[in-house]
């Protein structure tokens, strides 16, 4: 499973907890708040789940820059690289 597929699973886990319908795919330009309907607490949960899944620590300053799926991919990719 690649990074984007893992991200989709994590996002769907969060959406499921909110009784939202699972999504079949994500696109780089999708907004976490608007398109994926994630709120502040959901974004905090997403961060923790990403850190656990990829065994990384996302710096606090990077969190302010996360708005779209592509932002997550870039941050996680930069840390893993």
Protein backbone atom coordinates (compact mmCIF):
# COMPACT_ATOMS: atom_id res chain seq x y z
CA UNK A 1 0.00 0.00 0.00
CA UNK A 2 1.50 3.36 -1.01
CA UNK A 3 1.40 6.58 1.02
CA UNK A 4 -1.70 7.92 -0.70
CA UNK A 5 -3.62 4.68 -0.14
CA UNK A 6 -2.61 4.70 3.55
CA UNK A 7 -3.76 8.32 3.81
CA UNK A 8 -7.13 7.37 2.29
CA UNK A 9 -7.56 4.60 4.88
CA UNK A 10 -6.73 7.00 7.71
CA UNK A 11 -9.11 9.67 6.41
CA UNK A 12 -11.90 7.11 6.03
CA UNK A 13 -11.30 5.87 9.59
CA UNK A 14 -11.78 9.42 10.85
CA UNK A 15 -14.84 9.96 8.64
CA UNK A 16 -16.35 6.68 9.84
CA UNK A 17 -16.03 7.84 13.46
CA UNK A 18 -18.06 10.91 12.44
CA UNK A 19 -20.70 8.78 10.67
CA UNK A 20 -19.68 10.21 7.30
CA UNK A 21 -19.68 8.13 4.14
CA UNK A 22 -16.33 6.67 3.13
CA UNK A 23 -14.70 8.18 0.08
CA UNK A 24 -13.29 6.02 -2.71
CA UNK A 25 -10.35 8.19 -3.68
CA UNK A 26 -8.58 11.39 -2.78
CA UNK A 27 -7.07 14.00 -5.05
CA UNK A 28 -4.09 16.22 -4.30
CA UNK A 29 -6.13 19.42 -4.50
CA UNK A 30 -8.84 18.26 -2.07
CA UNK A 31 -9.28 20.51 0.97
CA UNK A 32 -9.19 18.65 4.25
CA UNK A 33 -11.78 20.95 5.80
CA UNK A 34 -14.14 21.58 2.91
CA UNK A 35 -13.93 18.57 0.62
CA UNK A 36 -13.22 15.93 3.26
CA UNK A 37 -15.24 17.63 6.03
CA UNK A 38 -12.53 17.37 8.70
CA UNK A 39 -12.67 19.74 11.66
CA UNK A 40 -9.83 20.87 13.95
CA UNK A 41 -10.06 17.85 16.24
CA UNK A 42 -10.13 15.57 13.19
CA UNK A 43 -6.95 17.21 11.89
CA UNK A 44 -5.27 16.59 15.25
CA UNK A 45 -6.36 12.95 15.07
CA UNK A 46 -5.11 12.76 11.48
CA UNK A 47 -1.70 14.06 12.58
CA UNK A 48 -1.40 11.46 15.35
CA UNK A 49 -2.47 8.66 13.02
CA UNK A 50 0.02 9.77 10.35
CA UNK A 51 2.82 9.88 12.91
CA UNK A 52 1.96 6.38 14.07
CA UNK A 53 1.49 4.92 10.58
CA UNK A 54 4.72 6.31 9.16
CA UNK A 55 6.74 6.31 12.42
CA UNK A 56 7.49 10.03 12.10
CA UNK A 57 7.07 13.23 14.09
CA UNK A 58 5.39 16.10 12.26
CA UNK A 59 6.80 19.42 13.49
CA UNK A 60 4.30 21.90 14.93
CA UNK A 61 5.24 24.52 12.35
CA UNK A 62 4.30 22.11 9.56
CA UNK A 63 0.81 21.64 10.99
CA UNK A 64 -0.12 25.24 10.16
CA UNK A 65 0.65 24.56 6.49
CA UNK A 66 -1.67 21.56 6.11
CA UNK A 67 -4.76 22.50 4.14
CA UNK A 68 -4.90 20.02 1.25
CA UNK A 69 -4.11 16.39 0.62
CA UNK A 70 -0.99 17.47 -1.30
CA UNK A 71 0.28 19.33 1.79
CA UNK A 72 0.14 16.11 3.82
CA UNK A 73 1.89 14.16 1.09
CA UNK A 74 4.67 16.75 0.84
CA UNK A 75 5.26 16.96 4.59
CA UNK A 76 5.22 13.20 5.12
CA UNK A 77 7.38 12.66 2.02
CA UNK A 78 9.93 15.26 3.17
CA UNK A 79 10.19 13.69 6.62
CA UNK A 80 10.50 10.14 5.32
CA UNK A 81 13.07 11.05 2.66
